[in-house]
Every structure is written in structure tokens, then in C-alpha cells.
Amino acid sequence: MLRKMGIIAVLSLMVTALAAVPAFADITLTQTPTVDASGNLTVSFQEVIPDPTYALNQTTIDYYLIGGSQATYVCLKKNGREPKGGPVIAGSVAQEVNAQQRIIPTLIQDEAGNPASSYSGSFSVSPPPPTNLSCPKGLKLFLGFVSYDGLQLVNPTFGTTTPIPGPITRVFP
């Protein structure tokens, strides 16, 4: 009899512990990632947690954007026009993307009208700098191409990861 009561007590504790862990939604992109005229990537996202206590307690969460980036730099005239014979390729530079953002949640209503915690944010990542690249005399370095690939949004607190379709690229005139 005591053994049965012990098993029931352990099972009750397990059910209580599992009930305390909220079911989490995936991190969703709130708009298509874009690369601006300077080569900066912008990624906006939201994660809705079906538990209002995170928002009520202002529980901050760290989000990460990880992946890779590559930029190709070209040598053009100082006015941005191509020299005779076309642009001169100065070289390519690769760099890991590893951005972090700490977010405070807001209290919202989910699709069913229940209170929930919403974490929303936006990352802006610069292209790799032209480290150790140079141009012949009379020409200047310009960004010619940038690519971001293998990107993921990560919330290690809740164990959620969302891959971002890619590569996300831009060719500059």
C-alpha cells in the first residue's frame, strides 16, 4: 500500500512539473528578410508564449541570429563608375553572423483570445568589412555583392530555433 502511494505521489509531482512547462510556439519571421543599399541584413521576428506570466513579470529572453555572410568588394573609380576594362575584383571576405538581442515581452491576446507573452525583435547585421583588401591607385573599394546564408534565429531559453531560408543576396551596381 505504501509503495502504491509513493508511486502515486511521484506521478503527481511529475504531472505538476510538466504542467509548469508552457507549450512554446516557433519563432516566426514577421517580414521577409532584406538587404539594404549598404549591404545590411534586417531580420524581424516574433515568438508568442502561451503563458502571460513572462510578460507580467517582464522576463527578458536572449535571442540570437547565427549563420554566415560573405561580401565581394570591387575597385571602381572614386565616383563609383567602372574603370576602362571593367571593375577590378579586390576580393571576398567571409564572416560568421552571431548577433544577440535581449527582449522584454509584451502582454497580448493569442488567436483564441487568451493572454500570452509576445517577444518581438529585429536584427540588423552589417556585411563583412573589407579587411586586408585594397585597390590600385586611383580606384576605391565598393561593395559589389553580399550573401547571408545558413541563418537561424535561436532562443536557447525555450530551445526554439527557426531556420531562415537563404541565401539572401544582393548585387550592387
Protein backbone atom coordinates (compact mmCIF):
# COMPACT_ATOMS: atom_id res chain seq x y z
CA MET A 1 0.00 0.00 0.00
CA LEU A 2 2.80 2.43 0.86
CA ARG A 3 4.52 1.54 -2.36
CA LYS A 4 1.40 2.44 -4.38
CA MET A 5 1.08 5.75 -2.51
CA GLY A 6 4.75 6.51 -3.22
CA ILE A 7 4.27 5.83 -6.94
CA ILE A 8 1.14 7.99 -6.98
CA ALA A 9 3.00 10.81 -5.21
CA VAL A 10 5.89 10.67 -7.70
CA LEU A 11 3.48 10.63 -10.66
CA SER A 12 1.58 13.60 -9.18
CA LEU A 13 4.82 15.56 -8.86
CA MET A 14 5.76 14.72 -12.45
CA VAL A 15 2.37 15.89 -13.75
CA THR A 16 2.66 19.11 -11.74
CA ALA A 17 6.18 19.73 -13.05
CA LEU A 18 5.12 19.09 -16.64
CA ALA A 19 2.13 21.40 -16.25
CA ALA A 20 4.50 24.22 -15.25
CA VAL A 21 6.37 24.00 -18.57
CA PRO A 22 4.44 26.06 -21.15
CA ALA A 23 3.98 24.86 -24.71
CA PHE A 24 6.05 27.18 -26.89
CA ALA A 25 5.37 28.40 -30.37
CA ASP A 26 8.05 28.63 -33.01
CA ILE A 27 9.88 31.85 -33.72
CA THR A 28 8.19 33.32 -36.79
CA LEU A 29 9.51 35.88 -39.26
CA THR A 30 7.27 38.96 -39.26
CA GLN A 31 8.54 40.11 -42.66
CA THR A 32 10.80 38.80 -45.40
CA PRO A 33 14.50 39.35 -44.54
CA THR A 34 16.01 42.09 -46.69
CA VAL A 35 19.42 43.51 -47.61
CA ASP A 36 19.53 47.31 -47.87
CA ALA A 37 21.64 49.53 -50.15
CA SER A 38 24.57 49.37 -47.68
CA GLY A 39 24.54 45.56 -47.52
CA ASN A 40 22.93 45.37 -44.08
CA LEU A 41 20.61 42.43 -43.46
CA THR A 42 17.40 43.01 -41.47
CA VAL A 43 15.53 40.10 -39.89
CA SER A 44 12.34 40.77 -37.88
CA PHE A 45 10.66 38.11 -35.76
CA GLN A 46 8.12 37.27 -33.06
CA GLU A 47 7.67 34.40 -30.64
CA VAL A 48 4.38 34.07 -28.76
CA ILE A 49 4.45 32.12 -25.50
CA PRO A 50 1.01 30.93 -24.31
CA ASP A 51 1.80 31.99 -20.75
CA PRO A 52 1.14 35.60 -19.67
CA THR A 53 3.42 35.39 -16.60
CA TYR A 54 6.53 36.04 -18.75
CA ALA A 55 5.06 39.38 -19.83
CA LEU A 56 3.59 40.20 -16.42
CA ASN A 57 6.98 39.53 -14.76
CA GLN A 58 8.90 41.28 -17.60
CA THR A 59 11.09 38.18 -18.03
CA THR A 60 13.80 39.08 -20.56
CA ILE A 61 14.97 36.48 -23.06
CA ASP A 62 18.10 36.48 -25.23
CA TYR A 63 17.62 35.75 -28.92
CA TYR A 64 20.46 35.04 -31.35
CA LEU A 65 20.85 35.30 -35.11
CA ILE A 66 23.59 32.94 -36.27
CA GLY A 67 24.91 31.87 -39.67
CA GLY A 68 27.38 33.08 -42.27
CA SER A 69 27.97 36.04 -44.53
CA GLN A 70 30.20 36.77 -47.48
CA ALA A 71 30.96 40.02 -49.27
CA THR A 72 32.79 40.66 -52.51
CA TYR A 73 34.42 44.06 -52.93
CA VAL A 74 35.27 45.70 -56.24
CA CYS A 75 37.54 48.57 -57.20
CA LEU A 76 35.82 51.37 -59.07
CA LYS A 77 36.59 54.97 -59.85
CA LYS A 78 36.08 57.28 -56.89
CA ASN A 79 32.77 58.41 -58.43
CA GLY A 80 31.53 54.80 -58.38
CA ARG A 81 31.84 54.23 -62.12
CA GLU A 82 33.71 51.34 -63.68
CA PRO A 83 37.26 51.95 -64.91
CA LYS A 84 38.11 51.14 -68.52
CA GLY A 85 38.14 47.40 -68.91
CA GLY A 86 35.50 46.87 -66.20
CA PRO A 87 35.61 46.64 -62.43
CA VAL A 88 38.60 45.15 -60.66
CA ILE A 89 37.72 42.48 -58.09
CA ALA A 90 39.50 43.33 -54.83
CA GLY A 91 38.47 40.08 -53.15
CA SER A 92 35.92 38.36 -50.96
CA VAL A 93 35.59 38.28 -47.20
CA ALA A 94 33.61 35.73 -45.16
CA GLN A 95 32.42 36.23 -41.61
CA GLU A 96 30.22 34.42 -39.10
CA VAL A 97 26.97 36.09 -38.13
CA ASN A 98 26.49 35.97 -34.36
CA ALA A 99 24.15 38.69 -33.13
CA GLN A 100 22.40 38.79 -29.77
CA GLN A 101 19.38 40.72 -28.60
CA ARG A 102 17.75 40.79 -25.15
CA ILE A 103 14.00 41.29 -25.41
CA ILE A 104 11.34 42.26 -22.85
CA PRO A 105 7.95 40.70 -23.63
CA THR A 106 4.60 42.41 -24.04
CA LEU A 107 1.25 41.08 -22.91
CA ILE A 108 -1.03 40.21 -25.83
CA GLN A 109 -4.06 38.06 -26.60
CA ASP A 110 -3.37 34.96 -28.68
CA GLU A 111 -5.56 33.84 -31.59
CA ALA A 112 -8.03 32.23 -29.16
CA GLY A 113 -8.28 35.42 -27.09
CA ASN A 114 -6.19 34.08 -24.20
CA PRO A 115 -3.50 36.22 -22.56
CA ALA A 116 0.03 35.41 -23.78
CA SER A 117 3.57 36.77 -23.78
CA SER A 118 4.97 38.12 -27.04
CA TYR A 119 8.68 38.53 -27.77
CA SER A 120 9.27 40.67 -30.87
CA GLY A 121 12.53 41.97 -32.23
CA SER A 122 14.61 42.85 -35.25
CA PHE A 123 18.25 42.18 -36.05
CA SER A 124 20.36 44.36 -38.35
CA VAL A 125 23.65 42.79 -39.41
CA SER A 126 26.40 44.52 -41.40
CA PRO A 127 28.31 42.81 -44.23
CA PRO A 128 31.86 41.62 -43.55
CA PRO A 129 34.29 44.56 -43.70
CA PRO A 130 36.92 44.68 -46.47
CA THR A 131 39.73 43.59 -44.15
CA ASN A 132 43.11 43.40 -45.91
CA LEU A 133 41.64 44.36 -49.30
CA SER A 134 42.96 47.24 -51.36
CA CYS A 135 42.65 48.77 -54.80
CA PRO A 136 45.15 50.00 -57.37
CA LYS A 137 45.99 53.69 -57.27
CA GLY A 138 43.13 55.94 -58.38
CA LEU A 139 40.42 53.37 -57.54
CA LYS A 140 38.27 52.96 -54.44
CA LEU A 141 36.72 49.92 -52.68
CA PHE A 142 32.98 49.40 -53.13
CA LEU A 143 30.71 46.58 -52.01
CA GLY A 144 29.83 44.58 -55.11
CA PHE A 145 27.95 41.57 -53.70
CA VAL A 146 26.79 40.32 -50.31
CA SER A 147 25.29 37.00 -49.28
CA TYR A 148 23.88 35.76 -45.98
CA ASP A 149 23.34 32.00 -45.69
CA GLY A 150 22.74 29.24 -43.16
CA LEU A 151 20.95 31.71 -40.89
CA GLN A 152 18.95 30.67 -37.84
CA LEU A 153 17.03 32.52 -35.14
CA VAL A 154 17.68 30.84 -31.78
CA ASN A 155 16.05 31.12 -28.37
CA PRO A 156 18.19 28.91 -26.09
CA THR A 157 15.96 29.60 -23.07
CA PHE A 158 13.00 27.78 -24.63
CA GLY A 159 15.01 25.65 -27.05
CA THR A 160 13.38 27.09 -30.17
CA THR A 161 15.22 27.50 -33.46
CA THR A 162 13.89 28.77 -36.77
CA PRO A 163 15.96 28.39 -39.97
CA ILE A 164 15.81 31.37 -42.33
CA PRO A 165 15.52 30.38 -45.99
CA GLY A 166 18.51 31.51 -47.97
CA PRO A 167 20.82 32.54 -49.30
CA ILE A 168 19.72 36.15 -49.01
CA THR A 169 21.80 38.13 -51.52
CA ARG A 170 22.20 41.49 -53.16
CA VAL A 171 24.31 42.61 -56.10
CA PHE A 172 25.33 46.25 -56.14
CA PRO A 173 25.57 48.34 -59.30
